[in-house]
PDB file of N, CA and C in Angstrom:
ATOM      1  N   MET A   1     -58.923  26.425 -41.898  1.00  0.00           N
ATOM      2  CA  MET A   1     -58.858  26.424 -40.439  1.00  0.00           C
ATOM      3  C   MET A   1     -58.802  24.998 -39.908  1.00  0.00           C
ATOM      4  N   TYR A   2     -59.543  24.097 -40.569  1.00  0.00           N
ATOM      5  CA  TYR A   2     -59.569  22.707 -40.106  1.00  0.00           C
ATOM      6  C   TYR A   2     -58.172  22.086 -40.201  1.00  0.00           C
ATOM      7  N   ALA A   3     -57.479  22.384 -41.295  1.00  0.00           N
ATOM      8  CA  ALA A   3     -56.149  21.817 -41.485  1.00  0.00           C
ATOM      9  C   ALA A   3     -55.206  22.316 -40.391  1.00  0.00           C
ATOM     10  N   TYR A   4     -55.417  23.570 -39.962  1.00  0.00           N
ATOM     11  CA  TYR A   4     -54.543  24.136 -38.938  1.00  0.00           C
ATOM     12  C   TYR A   4     -54.779  23.459 -37.591  1.00  0.00           C
ATOM     13  N   ASN A   5     -56.051  23.156 -37.291  1.00  0.00           N
ATOM     14  CA  ASN A   5     -56.373  22.553 -36.001  1.00  0.00           C
ATOM     15  C   ASN A   5     -56.062  21.059 -35.956  1.00  0.00           C
ATOM     16  N   TYR A   6     -55.941  20.442 -37.140  1.00  0.00           N
ATOM     17  CA  TYR A   6     -55.676  19.002 -37.179  1.00  0.00           C
ATOM     18  C   TYR A   6     -54.312  18.707 -36.565  1.00  0.00           C
ATOM     19  N   CYS A   7     -54.286  17.766 -35.622  1.00  0.00           N
ATOM     20  CA  CYS A   7     -53.033  17.426 -34.945  1.00  0.00           C
ATOM     21  C   CYS A   7     -52.478  16.131 -35.531  1.00  0.00           C
ATOM     22  N   PRO A   8     -51.382  16.198 -36.235  1.00  0.00           N
ATOM     23  CA  PRO A   8     -50.770  14.985 -36.772  1.00  0.00           C
ATOM     24  C   PRO A   8     -50.130  14.168 -35.653  1.00  0.00           C
ATOM     25  N   PRO A   9     -49.811  12.915 -35.913  1.00  0.00           N
ATOM     26  CA  PRO A   9     -49.185  12.085 -34.883  1.00  0.00           C
ATOM     27  C   PRO A   9     -47.837  12.624 -34.420  1.00  0.00           C
ATOM     28  N   THR A  10     -47.265  13.553 -35.193  1.00  0.00           N
ATOM     29  CA  THR A  10     -45.948  14.083 -34.837  1.00  0.00           C
ATOM     30  C   THR A  10     -46.052  15.198 -33.803  1.00  0.00           C
ATOM     31  N   GLU A  11     -47.244  15.430 -33.235  1.00  0.00           N
ATOM     32  CA  GLU A  11     -47.373  16.527 -32.271  1.00  0.00           C
ATOM     33  C   GLU A  11     -46.519  16.258 -31.028  1.00  0.00           C
ATOM     34  N   LEU A  12     -46.161  15.005 -30.799  1.00  0.00           N
ATOM     35  CA  LEU A  12     -45.257  14.689 -29.695  1.00  0.00           C
ATOM     36  C   LEU A  12     -43.935  15.422 -29.877  1.00  0.00           C
ATOM     37  N   PHE A  13     -43.464  15.480 -31.122  1.00  0.00           N
ATOM     38  CA  PHE A  13     -42.235  16.194 -31.436  1.00  0.00           C
ATOM     39  C   PHE A  13     -42.624  17.462 -32.178  1.00  0.00           C
ATOM     40  N   PRO A  14     -42.520  18.618 -31.512  1.00  0.00           N
ATOM     41  CA  PRO A  14     -43.025  19.872 -32.068  1.00  0.00           C
ATOM     42  C   PRO A  14     -42.386  20.227 -33.408  1.00  0.00           C
ATOM     43  N   THR A  15     -41.095  19.974 -33.560  1.00  0.00           N
ATOM     44  CA  THR A  15     -40.422  20.366 -34.803  1.00  0.00           C
ATOM     45  C   THR A  15     -39.857  19.139 -35.500  1.00  0.00           C
ATOM     46  N   PRO A  16     -39.782  19.178 -36.824  1.00  0.00           N
ATOM     47  CA  PRO A  16     -39.205  18.052 -37.569  1.00  0.00           C
ATOM     48  C   PRO A  16     -37.753  17.801 -37.189  1.00  0.00           C
ATOM     49  N   SER A  17     -37.027  18.875 -36.838  1.00  0.00           N
ATOM     50  CA  SER A  17     -35.618  18.705 -36.484  1.00  0.00           C
ATOM     51  C   SER A  17     -35.489  17.855 -35.218  1.00  0.00           C
ATOM     52  N   LEU A  18     -36.413  18.050 -34.274  1.00  0.00           N
ATOM     53  CA  LEU A  18     -36.403  17.235 -33.060  1.00  0.00           C
ATOM     54  C   LEU A  18     -36.635  15.779 -33.416  1.00  0.00           C
ATOM     55  N   GLN A  19     -37.579  15.554 -34.303  1.00  0.00           N
ATOM     56  CA  GLN A  19     -37.889  14.188 -34.734  1.00  0.00           C
ATOM     57  C   GLN A  19     -36.662  13.557 -35.383  1.00  0.00           C
ATOM     58  N   LEU A  20     -36.020  14.311 -36.266  1.00  0.00           N
ATOM     59  CA  LEU A  20     -34.820  13.814 -36.936  1.00  0.00           C
ATOM     60  C   LEU A  20     -33.718  13.544 -35.920  1.00  0.00           C
ATOM     61  N   GLY A  21     -33.602  14.440 -34.937  1.00  0.00           N
ATOM     62  CA  GLY A  21     -32.599  14.250 -33.896  1.00  0.00           C
ATOM     63  C   GLY A  21     -32.841  12.971 -33.122  1.00  0.00           C
ATOM     64  N   LEU A  22     -34.105  12.716 -32.813  1.00  0.00           N
ATOM     65  CA  LEU A  22     -34.457  11.494 -32.085  1.00  0.00           C
ATOM     66  C   LEU A  22     -34.093  10.267 -32.909  1.00  0.00           C
ATOM     67  N   ILE A  23     -34.443  10.291 -34.192  1.00  0.00           N
ATOM     68  CA  ILE A  23     -34.124   9.159 -35.074  1.00  0.00           C
ATOM     69  C   ILE A  23     -32.611   8.974 -35.158  1.00  0.00           C
ATOM     70  N   ALA A  24     -31.896  10.090 -35.303  1.00  0.00           N
ATOM     71  CA  ALA A  24     -30.441  10.018 -35.392  1.00  0.00           C
ATOM     72  C   ALA A  24     -29.856   9.437 -34.106  1.00  0.00           C
ATOM     73  N   GLY A  25     -30.422   9.845 -32.962  1.00  0.00           N
ATOM     74  CA  GLY A  25     -29.950   9.320 -31.686  1.00  0.00           C
ATOM     75  C   GLY A  25     -30.168   7.826 -31.582  1.00  0.00           C
ATOM     76  N   VAL A  26     -31.341   7.382 -32.013  1.00  0.00           N
ATOM     77  CA  VAL A  26     -31.635   5.943 -31.975  1.00  0.00           C
ATOM     78  C   VAL A  26     -30.660   5.185 -32.867  1.00  0.00           C
ATOM     79  N   VAL A  27     -30.421   5.730 -34.069  1.00  0.00           N
ATOM     80  CA  VAL A  27     -29.495   5.073 -35.001  1.00  0.00           C
ATOM     81  C   VAL A  27     -28.089   5.035 -34.405  1.00  0.00           C
ATOM     82  N   ALA A  28     -27.679   6.153 -33.785  1.00  0.00           N
ATOM     83  CA  ALA A  28     -26.335   6.221 -33.213  1.00  0.00           C
ATOM     84  C   ALA A  28     -26.172   5.201 -32.091  1.00  0.00           C
ATOM     85  N   THR A  29     -27.180   5.127 -31.203  1.00  0.00           N
ATOM     86  CA  THR A  29     -27.076   4.170 -30.100  1.00  0.00           C
ATOM     87  C   THR A  29     -27.074   2.745 -30.639  1.00  0.00           C
ATOM     88  N   PHE A  30     -27.870   2.501 -31.680  1.00  0.00           N
ATOM     89  CA  PHE A  30     -27.901   1.162 -32.276  1.00  0.00           C
ATOM     90  C   PHE A  30     -26.536   0.812 -32.854  1.00  0.00           C
ATOM     91  N   ARG A  31     -25.926   1.770 -33.543  1.00  0.00           N
ATOM     92  CA  ARG A  31     -24.595   1.534 -34.117  1.00  0.00           C
ATOM     93  C   ARG A  31     -23.592   1.251 -33.010  1.00  0.00           C
ATOM     94  N   LEU A  32     -23.681   2.009 -31.917  1.00  0.00           N
ATOM     95  CA  LEU A  32     -22.759   1.803 -30.796  1.00  0.00           C
ATOM     96  C   LEU A  32     -22.927   0.410 -30.221  1.00  0.00           C
ATOM     97  N   THR A  33     -24.179   0.020 -29.959  1.00  0.00           N
ATOM     98  CA  THR A  33     -24.417  -1.286 -29.345  1.00  0.00           C
ATOM     99  C   THR A  33     -23.961  -2.398 -30.273  1.00  0.00           C
ATOM    100  N   VAL A  34     -23.946  -2.137 -31.579  1.00  0.00           N
ATOM    101  CA  VAL A  34     -23.487  -3.169 -32.517  1.00  0.00           C
ATOM    102  C   VAL A  34     -21.965  -3.161 -32.624  1.00  0.00           C
ATOM    103  N   SER A  35     -21.374  -1.965 -32.695  1.00  0.00           N
ATOM    104  CA  SER A  35     -19.936  -1.864 -32.953  1.00  0.00           C
ATOM    105  C   SER A  35     -19.099  -2.211 -31.723  1.00  0.00           C
ATOM    106  N   VAL A  36     -19.595  -1.914 -30.531  1.00  0.00           N
ATOM    107  CA  VAL A  36     -18.799  -2.173 -29.322  1.00  0.00           C
ATOM    108  C   VAL A  36     -18.515  -3.666 -29.147  1.00  0.00           C
ATOM    109  N   PRO A  37     -19.547  -4.540 -29.193  1.00  0.00           N
ATOM    110  CA  PRO A  37     -19.250  -5.970 -29.065  1.00  0.00           C
ATOM    111  C   PRO A  37     -18.327  -6.473 -30.173  1.00  0.00           C
ATOM    112  N   LEU A  38     -18.482  -5.940 -31.384  1.00  0.00           N
ATOM    113  CA  LEU A  38     -17.621  -6.357 -32.488  1.00  0.00           C
ATOM    114  C   LEU A  38     -16.172  -5.995 -32.196  1.00  0.00           C
ATOM    115  N   SER A  39     -15.930  -4.789 -31.696  1.00  0.00           N
ATOM    116  CA  SER A  39     -14.563  -4.376 -31.384  1.00  0.00           C
ATOM    117  C   SER A  39     -13.997  -5.218 -30.245  1.00  0.00           C
ATOM    118  N   VAL A  40     -14.856  -5.547 -29.267  1.00  0.00           N
ATOM    119  CA  VAL A  40     -14.406  -6.387 -28.153  1.00  0.00           C
ATOM    120  C   VAL A  40     -14.011  -7.765 -28.670  1.00  0.00           C
ATOM    121  N   VAL A  41     -14.822  -8.302 -29.580  1.00  0.00           N
ATOM    122  CA  VAL A  41     -14.521  -9.623 -30.153  1.00  0.00           C
ATOM    123  C   VAL A  41     -13.198  -9.582 -30.904  1.00  0.00           C
ATOM    124  N   SER A  42     -12.989  -8.540 -31.700  1.00  0.00           N
ATOM    125  CA  SER A  42     -11.739  -8.441 -32.461  1.00  0.00           C
ATOM    126  C   SER A  42     -10.550  -8.301 -31.514  1.00  0.00           C
ATOM    127  N   LEU A  43     -10.749  -7.557 -30.421  1.00  0.00           N
ATOM    128  CA  LEU A  43      -9.686  -7.406 -29.428  1.00  0.00           C
ATOM    129  C   LEU A  43      -9.331  -8.759 -28.827  1.00  0.00           C
ATOM    130  N   PHE A  44     -10.350  -9.532 -28.450  1.00  0.00           N
ATOM    131  CA  PHE A  44     -10.109 -10.857 -27.877  1.00  0.00           C
ATOM    132  C   PHE A  44      -9.383 -11.745 -28.885  1.00  0.00           C
ATOM    133  N   ARG A  45      -9.740 -11.635 -30.150  1.00  0.00           N
ATOM    134  CA  ARG A  45      -9.073 -12.440 -31.177  1.00  0.00           C
ATOM    135  C   ARG A  45      -7.601 -12.081 -31.255  1.00  0.00           C
ATOM    136  N   LYS A  46      -7.300 -10.769 -31.233  1.00  0.00           N
ATOM    137  CA  LYS A  46      -5.905 -10.331 -31.287  1.00  0.00           C
ATOM    138  C   LYS A  46      -5.134 -10.881 -30.094  1.00  0.00           C
ATOM    139  N   VAL A  47      -5.729 -10.757 -28.906  1.00  0.00           N
ATOM    140  CA  VAL A  47      -5.065 -11.239 -27.692  1.00  0.00           C
ATOM    141  C   VAL A  47      -4.864 -12.748 -27.779  1.00  0.00           C
ATOM    142  N   GLY A  48      -5.891 -13.453 -28.270  1.00  0.00           N
ATOM    143  CA  GLY A  48      -5.796 -14.907 -28.404  1.00  0.00           C
ATOM    144  C   GLY A  48      -4.665 -15.303 -29.341  1.00  0.00           C
ATOM    145  N   CYS A  49      -4.532 -14.597 -30.458  1.00  0.00           N
ATOM    146  CA  CYS A  49      -3.461 -14.894 -31.410  1.00  0.00           C
ATOM    147  C   CYS A  49      -2.102 -14.666 -30.767  1.00  0.00           C
ATOM    148  N   ARG A  50      -1.960 -13.577 -30.024  1.00  0.00           N
ATOM    149  CA  ARG A  50      -0.682 -13.284 -29.373  1.00  0.00           C
ATOM    150  C   ARG A  50      -0.346 -14.352 -28.345  1.00  0.00           C
ATOM    151  N   LEU A  51      -1.369 -14.774 -27.582  1.00  0.00           N
ATOM    152  CA  LEU A  51      -1.138 -15.818 -26.578  1.00  0.00           C
ATOM    153  C   LEU A  51      -0.692 -17.107 -27.256  1.00  0.00           C
ATOM    154  N   ARG A  52      -1.304 -17.443 -28.371  1.00  0.00           N
ATOM    155  CA  ARG A  52      -0.923 -18.661 -29.098  1.00  0.00           C
ATOM    156  C   ARG A  52       0.523 -18.574 -29.548  1.00  0.00           C
ATOM    157  N   VAL A  53       0.887 -17.423 -30.108  1.00  0.00           N
ATOM    158  CA  VAL A  53       2.259 -17.233 -30.585  1.00  0.00           C
ATOM    159  C   VAL A  53       3.235 -17.364 -29.422  1.00  0.00           C
ATOM    160  N   MET A  54       2.890 -16.751 -28.281  1.00  0.00           N
ATOM    161  CA  MET A  54       3.769 -16.812 -27.110  1.00  0.00           C
ATOM    162  C   MET A  54       3.915 -18.251 -26.631  1.00  0.00           C
ATOM    163  N   ARG A  55       2.822 -19.005 -26.632  1.00  0.00           N
ATOM    164  CA  ARG A  55       2.879 -20.400 -26.193  1.00  0.00           C
ATOM    165  C   ARG A  55       3.764 -21.214 -27.127  1.00  0.00           C
ATOM    166  N   LEU A  56       3.595 -20.990 -28.433  1.00  0.00           N
ATOM    167  CA  LEU A  56       4.421 -21.715 -29.402  1.00  0.00           C
ATOM    168  C   LEU A  56       5.899 -21.393 -29.196  1.00  0.00           C
ATOM    169  N   LYS A  57       6.202 -20.115 -28.963  1.00  0.00           N
ATOM    170  CA  LYS A  57       7.591 -19.711 -28.740  1.00  0.00           C
ATOM    171  C   LYS A  57       8.118 -20.327 -27.451  1.00  0.00           C
ATOM    172  N   ALA A  58       7.262 -20.390 -26.432  1.00  0.00           N
ATOM    173  CA  ALA A  58       7.681 -20.951 -25.147  1.00  0.00           C
ATOM    174  C   ALA A  58       7.994 -22.440 -25.292  1.00  0.00           C
ATOM    175  N   LYS A  59       7.216 -23.135 -26.107  1.00  0.00           N
ATOM    176  CA  LYS A  59       7.460 -24.567 -26.316  1.00  0.00           C
ATOM    177  C   LYS A  59       8.798 -24.780 -27.009  1.00  0.00           C
ATOM    178  N   VAL A  60       9.116 -23.899 -27.957  1.00  0.00           N
ATOM    179  CA  VAL A  60      10.383 -24.025 -28.690  1.00  0.00           C
ATOM    180  C   VAL A  60      11.482 -23.408 -27.837  1.00  0.00           C
TER     181      VAL A  60
END
């Protein structure tokens, strides 16, 4: 009976699936916040390269 009444720290999340979902959500948002700036940087690099090529062509 004591084991049944004992409240583990996970009582905030009633089911393990909810806990896993929360962890997955945190991981997903972390991946997004990391991948978005990286994609933006790569996009800027591509644009920068194209601008350089256009400038070189314009000079010639």
